[in-house]
């Protein structure tokens, strides 16, 4: 198995939330993160641009829809930060697993 890079996994999560998890082998979790992220971003952008388009056309500006879009956009950013943190936590867990395996193999070799 190839050595996976902690920094590369975190960089992938910074680009698209969920890619870092998929890189580390957590494909279901990564796919869920990507889907939730894209849906949140799409809905927030729609809710932000609908009032702006209405304003350009000459209709009344709907501040409630606009504020909801801004709120969802902030939720998207918070979710992105959580994804980066989760990738960091998963890489730390993977490193600890490898170190414990190395330690166990070292002890077994000493006993033999």
N, C-alpha and C. Protein backbone atom coordinates (compact mmCIF):
# COMPACT_ATOMS: atom_id res chain seq x y z
N UNK A 1 0.84 -1.19 0.00
CA UNK A 1 0.00 0.00 0.00
C UNK A 1 0.88 1.25 0.00
N UNK A 2 0.50 2.20 -0.80
CA UNK A 2 1.29 3.42 -0.90
C UNK A 2 1.10 4.29 0.33
N UNK A 3 2.16 5.01 0.68
CA UNK A 3 2.10 5.98 1.78
C UNK A 3 1.24 7.16 1.35
N UNK A 4 0.24 7.50 2.14
CA UNK A 4 -0.64 8.61 1.80
C UNK A 4 -0.16 9.87 2.52
N UNK A 5 -0.19 10.97 1.81
CA UNK A 5 0.32 12.23 2.34
C UNK A 5 -0.76 12.98 3.10
N UNK A 6 -0.42 13.38 4.31
CA UNK A 6 -1.34 14.15 5.15
C UNK A 6 -1.63 15.51 4.51
N UNK A 7 -0.59 16.17 4.04
CA UNK A 7 -0.77 17.50 3.44
C UNK A 7 -1.59 17.44 2.16
N UNK A 8 -1.38 16.40 1.36
CA UNK A 8 -2.14 16.26 0.12
C UNK A 8 -3.62 16.02 0.41
N UNK A 9 -3.91 15.20 1.42
CA UNK A 9 -5.30 14.92 1.79
C UNK A 9 -5.99 16.20 2.26
N UNK A 10 -5.30 17.01 3.05
CA UNK A 10 -5.88 18.26 3.54
C UNK A 10 -6.06 19.25 2.39
N UNK A 11 -5.11 19.28 1.45
CA UNK A 11 -5.23 20.17 0.29
C UNK A 11 -6.44 19.77 -0.56
N UNK A 12 -6.66 18.48 -0.73
CA UNK A 12 -7.83 18.02 -1.47
C UNK A 12 -9.12 18.46 -0.79
N UNK A 13 -9.15 18.38 0.54
CA UNK A 13 -10.34 18.81 1.27
C UNK A 13 -10.56 20.31 1.16
N UNK A 14 -9.48 21.07 1.02
CA UNK A 14 -9.63 22.52 0.84
C UNK A 14 -10.23 22.84 -0.52
N UNK A 15 -9.92 22.04 -1.52
CA UNK A 15 -10.43 22.29 -2.87
C UNK A 15 -11.91 21.93 -2.94
N UNK A 16 -12.22 20.69 -2.62
CA UNK A 16 -13.62 20.23 -2.59
C UNK A 16 -13.79 19.36 -1.35
N UNK A 17 -14.72 19.75 -0.52
CA UNK A 17 -14.97 19.01 0.70
C UNK A 17 -15.36 17.57 0.37
N UNK A 18 -14.67 16.62 0.97
CA UNK A 18 -14.94 15.21 0.73
C UNK A 18 -13.85 14.51 -0.07
N UNK A 19 -13.08 15.27 -0.84
CA UNK A 19 -12.01 14.64 -1.63
C UNK A 19 -10.91 14.07 -0.73
N UNK A 20 -10.61 14.77 0.35
CA UNK A 20 -9.59 14.28 1.28
C UNK A 20 -10.01 12.98 1.93
N UNK A 21 -11.30 12.88 2.30
CA UNK A 21 -11.80 11.64 2.90
C UNK A 21 -11.73 10.50 1.88
N UNK A 22 -12.07 10.79 0.62
CA UNK A 22 -12.02 9.75 -0.41
C UNK A 22 -10.58 9.31 -0.65
N UNK A 23 -9.65 10.25 -0.63
CA UNK A 23 -8.23 9.94 -0.82
C UNK A 23 -7.72 9.01 0.28
N UNK A 24 -8.24 9.21 1.50
CA UNK A 24 -7.81 8.38 2.63
C UNK A 24 -8.52 7.03 2.68
N UNK A 25 -9.48 6.81 1.77
CA UNK A 25 -10.15 5.52 1.73
C UNK A 25 -11.55 5.52 2.32
N UNK A 26 -12.02 6.64 2.78
CA UNK A 26 -13.37 6.77 3.33
C UNK A 26 -14.30 7.27 2.22
N UNK A 27 -14.56 6.39 1.24
CA UNK A 27 -15.28 6.83 0.04
C UNK A 27 -16.73 7.19 0.29
N UNK A 28 -17.42 6.43 1.12
CA UNK A 28 -18.84 6.73 1.38
C UNK A 28 -18.96 8.08 2.09
N UNK A 29 -18.12 8.28 3.09
CA UNK A 29 -18.13 9.56 3.81
C UNK A 29 -17.76 10.70 2.87
N UNK A 30 -16.77 10.49 2.04
CA UNK A 30 -16.35 11.51 1.09
C UNK A 30 -17.45 11.86 0.10
N UNK A 31 -18.13 10.83 -0.41
CA UNK A 31 -19.23 11.08 -1.35
C UNK A 31 -20.37 11.86 -0.69
N UNK A 32 -20.70 11.50 0.55
CA UNK A 32 -21.74 12.23 1.28
C UNK A 32 -21.34 13.69 1.49
N UNK A 33 -20.08 13.92 1.84
CA UNK A 33 -19.60 15.29 2.03
C UNK A 33 -19.70 16.08 0.73
N UNK A 34 -19.31 15.46 -0.38
CA UNK A 34 -19.36 16.15 -1.67
C UNK A 34 -20.80 16.49 -2.04
N UNK A 35 -21.70 15.53 -1.88
CA UNK A 35 -23.11 15.76 -2.23
C UNK A 35 -23.71 16.86 -1.36
N UNK A 36 -23.51 16.77 -0.04
CA UNK A 36 -24.04 17.80 0.86
C UNK A 36 -23.46 19.17 0.55
N UNK A 37 -22.19 19.20 0.24
CA UNK A 37 -21.52 20.45 -0.07
C UNK A 37 -22.07 21.08 -1.34
N UNK A 38 -22.20 20.29 -2.39
CA UNK A 38 -22.69 20.81 -3.66
C UNK A 38 -24.15 21.26 -3.57
N UNK A 39 -24.98 20.48 -2.88
CA UNK A 39 -26.40 20.86 -2.72
C UNK A 39 -26.51 22.16 -1.94
N UNK A 40 -25.75 22.27 -0.85
CA UNK A 40 -25.78 23.49 -0.03
C UNK A 40 -25.33 24.70 -0.84
N UNK A 41 -24.26 24.54 -1.59
CA UNK A 41 -23.74 25.65 -2.40
C UNK A 41 -24.73 26.04 -3.49
N UNK A 42 -25.30 25.06 -4.16
CA UNK A 42 -26.25 25.34 -5.24
C UNK A 42 -27.49 26.07 -4.73
N UNK A 43 -28.06 25.58 -3.63
CA UNK A 43 -29.26 26.22 -3.08
C UNK A 43 -28.94 27.63 -2.60
N UNK A 44 -27.81 27.81 -1.94
CA UNK A 44 -27.47 29.14 -1.44
C UNK A 44 -27.26 30.13 -2.59
N UNK A 45 -26.60 29.69 -3.65
CA UNK A 45 -26.40 30.60 -4.79
C UNK A 45 -27.71 30.95 -5.48
N UNK A 46 -28.60 29.96 -5.59
CA UNK A 46 -29.92 30.24 -6.18
C UNK A 46 -30.67 31.25 -5.33
N UNK A 47 -30.65 31.06 -4.02
CA UNK A 47 -31.37 31.97 -3.13
C UNK A 47 -30.76 33.36 -3.10
N UNK A 48 -29.48 33.47 -3.38
CA UNK A 48 -28.84 34.79 -3.41
C UNK A 48 -29.16 35.50 -4.73
N UNK A 49 -29.11 34.75 -5.85
CA UNK A 49 -29.26 35.40 -7.15
C UNK A 49 -30.70 35.66 -7.58
N UNK A 50 -31.67 34.90 -7.06
CA UNK A 50 -33.08 35.16 -7.42
C UNK A 50 -33.50 36.59 -7.06
N UNK A 51 -33.25 37.06 -5.82
CA UNK A 51 -33.64 38.44 -5.52
C UNK A 51 -32.88 39.48 -6.35
N UNK A 52 -31.62 39.19 -6.65
CA UNK A 52 -30.83 40.13 -7.46
C UNK A 52 -31.36 40.21 -8.89
N UNK A 53 -31.75 39.08 -9.44
CA UNK A 53 -32.32 39.07 -10.79
C UNK A 53 -33.67 39.79 -10.79
N UNK A 54 -34.48 39.54 -9.76
CA UNK A 54 -35.76 40.25 -9.64
C UNK A 54 -35.56 41.75 -9.58
N UNK A 55 -34.53 42.19 -8.89
CA UNK A 55 -34.25 43.62 -8.78
C UNK A 55 -33.85 44.20 -10.14
N UNK A 56 -33.05 43.45 -10.90
CA UNK A 56 -32.64 43.91 -12.22
C UNK A 56 -33.82 43.99 -13.19
N UNK A 57 -34.77 43.07 -13.06
CA UNK A 57 -35.93 43.04 -13.93
C UNK A 57 -36.92 44.15 -13.56
N UNK A 58 -36.84 44.62 -12.35
CA UNK A 58 -37.74 45.70 -11.92
C UNK A 58 -38.74 45.26 -10.87
N UNK A 59 -38.64 44.00 -10.45
CA UNK A 59 -39.53 43.51 -9.40
C UNK A 59 -39.00 43.91 -8.03
N UNK A 60 -39.79 43.61 -7.02
CA UNK A 60 -39.43 43.95 -5.65
C UNK A 60 -38.30 43.02 -5.16
N UNK A 61 -37.35 43.59 -4.44
CA UNK A 61 -36.24 42.84 -3.87
C UNK A 61 -36.72 42.11 -2.62
N UNK A 62 -36.55 40.79 -2.57
CA UNK A 62 -37.00 40.00 -1.43
C UNK A 62 -35.82 39.75 -0.50
N UNK A 63 -35.76 40.50 0.59
CA UNK A 63 -34.62 40.43 1.51
C UNK A 63 -34.58 39.11 2.27
N UNK A 64 -35.73 38.51 2.54
CA UNK A 64 -35.75 37.26 3.31
C UNK A 64 -35.09 36.13 2.52
N UNK A 65 -35.40 36.02 1.24
CA UNK A 65 -34.78 34.98 0.41
C UNK A 65 -33.28 35.24 0.29
N UNK A 66 -32.90 36.51 0.14
CA UNK A 66 -31.49 36.88 0.04
C UNK A 66 -30.74 36.52 1.32
N UNK A 67 -31.31 36.82 2.47
CA UNK A 67 -30.67 36.51 3.75
C UNK A 67 -30.56 35.01 3.97
N UNK A 68 -31.58 34.27 3.53
CA UNK A 68 -31.51 32.81 3.64
C UNK A 68 -30.36 32.27 2.80
N UNK A 69 -30.18 32.83 1.61
CA UNK A 69 -29.07 32.42 0.75
C UNK A 69 -27.72 32.72 1.39
N UNK A 70 -27.61 33.89 2.00
CA UNK A 70 -26.35 34.25 2.70
C UNK A 70 -26.11 33.29 3.86
N UNK A 71 -27.16 32.98 4.62
CA UNK A 71 -27.03 32.05 5.74
C UNK A 71 -26.57 30.68 5.26
N UNK A 72 -27.17 30.18 4.18
CA UNK A 72 -26.75 28.88 3.65
C UNK A 72 -25.33 28.92 3.11
N UNK A 73 -24.92 30.04 2.57
CA UNK A 73 -23.55 30.19 2.11
C UNK A 73 -22.58 30.12 3.28
N UNK A 74 -22.95 30.72 4.40
CA UNK A 74 -22.12 30.62 5.61
C UNK A 74 -22.09 29.18 6.12
N UNK A 75 -23.24 28.50 6.03
CA UNK A 75 -23.29 27.09 6.43
C UNK A 75 -22.37 26.26 5.54
N UNK A 76 -22.33 26.58 4.25
CA UNK A 76 -21.44 25.90 3.31
C UNK A 76 -19.98 26.08 3.75
N UNK A 77 -19.60 27.30 4.12
CA UNK A 77 -18.22 27.57 4.54
C UNK A 77 -17.88 26.84 5.84
N UNK A 78 -18.83 26.80 6.77
CA UNK A 78 -18.60 26.09 8.03
C UNK A 78 -18.43 24.59 7.75
N UNK A 79 -19.26 24.06 6.86
CA UNK A 79 -19.15 22.65 6.50
C UNK A 79 -17.81 22.36 5.82
N UNK A 80 -17.34 23.28 5.00
CA UNK A 80 -16.03 23.12 4.36
C UNK A 80 -14.92 23.08 5.40
N UNK A 81 -15.00 23.97 6.40
CA UNK A 81 -13.99 23.97 7.47
C UNK A 81 -14.04 22.67 8.27
N UNK A 82 -15.27 22.16 8.51
CA UNK A 82 -15.39 20.88 9.23
C UNK A 82 -14.76 19.75 8.41
N UNK A 83 -14.97 19.78 7.11
CA UNK A 83 -14.40 18.74 6.25
C UNK A 83 -12.88 18.75 6.32
N UNK A 84 -12.29 19.94 6.34
CA UNK A 84 -10.83 20.05 6.45
C UNK A 84 -10.36 19.50 7.79
N UNK A 85 -11.08 19.85 8.86
CA UNK A 85 -10.73 19.34 10.19
C UNK A 85 -10.88 17.82 10.23
N UNK A 86 -11.96 17.30 9.65
CA UNK A 86 -12.19 15.86 9.66
C UNK A 86 -11.08 15.13 8.91
N UNK A 87 -10.63 15.69 7.81
CA UNK A 87 -9.52 15.08 7.06
C UNK A 87 -8.26 15.07 7.91
N UNK A 88 -8.00 16.17 8.60
CA UNK A 88 -6.83 16.23 9.49
C UNK A 88 -6.93 15.15 10.57
N UNK A 89 -8.13 15.02 11.16
CA UNK A 89 -8.34 14.03 12.22
C UNK A 89 -8.16 12.61 11.68
N UNK A 90 -8.67 12.35 10.48
CA UNK A 90 -8.53 11.02 9.89
C UNK A 90 -7.09 10.70 9.56
N UNK A 91 -6.32 11.69 9.08
CA UNK A 91 -4.90 11.43 8.78
C UNK A 91 -4.15 11.15 10.06
N UNK A 92 -4.50 11.85 11.13
CA UNK A 92 -3.85 11.61 12.42
C UNK A 92 -4.16 10.20 12.90
N UNK A 93 -5.41 9.76 12.73
CA UNK A 93 -5.80 8.41 13.11
C UNK A 93 -5.05 7.37 12.30
N UNK A 94 -4.91 7.61 10.99
CA UNK A 94 -4.19 6.67 10.12
C UNK A 94 -2.72 6.57 10.53
N UNK A 95 -2.12 7.69 10.88
CA UNK A 95 -0.72 7.70 11.31
C UNK A 95 -0.56 6.91 12.61
N UNK A 96 -1.50 7.11 13.55
CA UNK A 96 -1.43 6.38 14.82
C UNK A 96 -1.61 4.88 14.60
N UNK A 97 -2.48 4.48 13.67
CA UNK A 97 -2.67 3.06 13.36
C UNK A 97 -1.38 2.46 12.84
N UNK A 98 -0.71 3.18 11.92
CA UNK A 98 0.54 2.67 11.35
C UNK A 98 1.62 2.58 12.41
N UNK A 99 1.70 3.57 13.30
CA UNK A 99 2.71 3.56 14.35
C UNK A 99 2.47 2.41 15.32
N UNK A 100 1.19 2.13 15.64
CA UNK A 100 0.91 1.03 16.55
C UNK A 100 1.24 -0.31 15.90
N UNK A 101 1.00 -0.44 14.59
CA UNK A 101 1.35 -1.67 13.88
C UNK A 101 2.86 -1.87 13.89
N UNK A 102 3.60 -0.78 13.66
CA UNK A 102 5.06 -0.85 13.66
C UNK A 102 5.55 -1.25 15.05
N UNK A 103 4.95 -0.67 16.09
CA UNK A 103 5.33 -1.00 17.47
C UNK A 103 5.05 -2.45 17.80
N UNK A 104 3.90 -2.96 17.37
CA UNK A 104 3.56 -4.36 17.63
C UNK A 104 4.52 -5.29 16.89
N UNK A 105 4.82 -4.96 15.63
CA UNK A 105 5.76 -5.79 14.87
C UNK A 105 7.15 -5.76 15.50
N UNK A 106 7.55 -4.61 16.03
CA UNK A 106 8.86 -4.50 16.69
C UNK A 106 8.90 -5.40 17.93
N UNK A 107 7.83 -5.38 18.72
CA UNK A 107 7.78 -6.21 19.94
C UNK A 107 7.78 -7.68 19.57
N UNK A 108 7.02 -8.06 18.53
CA UNK A 108 6.98 -9.46 18.10
C UNK A 108 8.37 -9.92 17.64
N UNK A 109 9.07 -9.03 16.89
CA UNK A 109 10.42 -9.39 16.45
C UNK A 109 11.38 -9.52 17.63
N UNK A 110 11.21 -8.71 18.66
CA UNK A 110 12.06 -8.83 19.84
C UNK A 110 11.82 -10.14 20.58
N UNK A 111 10.56 -10.56 20.63
CA UNK A 111 10.22 -11.79 21.34
C UNK A 111 10.68 -13.04 20.59
N UNK A 112 10.76 -12.92 19.26
CA UNK A 112 11.19 -14.09 18.47
C UNK A 112 12.67 -14.10 18.43
